[in-house]
């Protein structure tokens, strides 16, 4: 049996606070844009049971990797659909 070892990443927000997430998937589009799908990790001091899928754009700036929200609704919906298709076996997505 394969042992499950999640990819945990730590993100530092604008206030310098660290947050841990489990990386679920990454994609790169034909035009070179990169995106990541992740969910918050669950620990005793952070009880977030929403299980909400978080989708962010990955950019490189001055040699540093930055994760930023996708502000364009059309782009967000398009990328969200790609991740939903790829992750459908892992999660039950609710239709809005």
Protein backbone atom coordinates (compact mmCIF):
# COMPACT_ATOMS: atom_id res chain seq x y z
CA UNK A 1 0.00 0.00 0.00
CA UNK A 2 1.29 3.46 -0.92
CA UNK A 3 1.72 5.85 1.98
CA UNK A 4 0.05 9.22 1.49
CA UNK A 5 2.49 12.13 1.81
CA UNK A 6 0.75 15.42 1.07
CA UNK A 7 2.67 18.34 -0.40
CA UNK A 8 2.44 21.00 2.32
CA UNK A 9 3.34 24.57 1.44
CA UNK A 10 3.62 27.56 3.74
CA UNK A 11 2.35 30.89 2.49
CA UNK A 12 3.23 34.15 4.21
CA UNK A 13 0.51 36.78 3.87
CA UNK A 14 0.97 40.55 3.60
CA UNK A 15 0.95 40.83 7.42
CA UNK A 16 3.79 38.29 7.78
CA UNK A 17 1.49 35.55 9.13
CA UNK A 18 2.25 32.01 7.95
CA UNK A 19 -0.53 29.73 6.69
CA UNK A 20 -0.16 26.06 5.73
CA UNK A 21 -1.90 24.54 2.75
CA UNK A 22 -1.95 21.16 1.07
CA UNK A 23 -1.11 21.46 -2.61
CA UNK A 24 -3.52 19.39 -4.67
CA UNK A 25 -2.58 20.19 -8.25
CA UNK A 26 -0.69 22.59 -10.53
CA UNK A 27 -1.33 23.47 -14.14
CA UNK A 28 0.34 25.59 -16.80
CA UNK A 29 -1.72 26.97 -19.67
CA UNK A 30 -0.62 27.13 -23.28
CA UNK A 31 0.23 30.82 -22.83
CA UNK A 32 2.64 30.02 -19.97
CA UNK A 33 0.47 31.10 -17.04
CA UNK A 34 0.78 28.85 -13.98
CA UNK A 35 -1.86 28.09 -11.35
CA UNK A 36 -2.09 26.10 -8.13
CA UNK A 37 -5.05 24.47 -6.36
CA UNK A 38 -4.79 23.92 -2.62
CA UNK A 39 -6.79 23.53 0.57
CA UNK A 40 -6.03 24.71 4.11
CA UNK A 41 -4.37 22.14 6.35
CA UNK A 42 -6.14 21.16 9.53
CA UNK A 43 -4.36 21.40 12.85
CA UNK A 44 -5.41 21.81 16.46
CA UNK A 45 -4.78 25.56 16.36
CA UNK A 46 -6.46 26.09 12.99
CA UNK A 47 -9.81 24.36 12.78
CA UNK A 48 -11.02 25.31 9.33
CA UNK A 49 -13.41 22.61 8.24
CA UNK A 50 -14.66 24.36 5.11
CA UNK A 51 -12.34 22.32 2.89
CA UNK A 52 -12.60 25.14 0.40
CA UNK A 53 -10.54 24.76 -2.75
CA UNK A 54 -8.27 27.76 -3.19
CA UNK A 55 -7.03 28.59 -6.68
CA UNK A 56 -4.23 31.10 -7.17
CA UNK A 57 -1.99 32.31 -9.98
CA UNK A 58 1.74 31.57 -9.59
CA UNK A 59 4.10 34.32 -10.69
CA UNK A 60 7.83 34.88 -10.39
CA UNK A 61 8.89 38.36 -9.33
CA UNK A 62 12.52 39.28 -8.61
CA UNK A 63 13.41 35.59 -8.22
CA UNK A 64 10.63 35.06 -5.68
CA UNK A 65 7.53 32.88 -6.16
CA UNK A 66 4.34 34.80 -5.43
CA UNK A 67 0.80 33.41 -5.24
CA UNK A 68 -1.88 35.92 -6.16
CA UNK A 69 -5.66 35.81 -6.46
CA UNK A 70 -7.18 35.61 -9.93
CA UNK A 71 -9.05 38.90 -10.26
CA UNK A 72 -10.58 38.28 -13.71
CA UNK A 73 -13.84 36.33 -13.22
CA UNK A 74 -13.71 34.71 -16.68
CA UNK A 75 -10.12 33.54 -16.13
CA UNK A 76 -10.98 32.28 -12.63
CA UNK A 77 -13.99 30.30 -13.90
CA UNK A 78 -11.98 28.79 -16.77
CA UNK A 79 -9.11 27.69 -14.51
CA UNK A 80 -11.55 26.54 -11.81
CA UNK A 81 -13.29 24.24 -14.29
CA UNK A 82 -9.96 22.70 -15.31
CA UNK A 83 -9.05 21.97 -11.68
CA UNK A 84 -12.55 20.63 -10.95
CA UNK A 85 -12.26 18.16 -13.83
CA UNK A 86 -8.78 17.08 -12.73
CA UNK A 87 -9.74 16.74 -9.05
CA UNK A 88 -13.26 15.34 -9.48
CA UNK A 89 -12.20 11.88 -8.25
CA UNK A 90 -10.91 13.35 -4.97
CA UNK A 91 -13.73 15.78 -4.14
CA UNK A 92 -17.47 16.19 -4.50
CA UNK A 93 -17.90 19.69 -5.87
CA UNK A 94 -21.23 21.38 -5.19
CA UNK A 95 -22.89 23.21 -8.05
CA UNK A 96 -23.62 26.86 -7.28
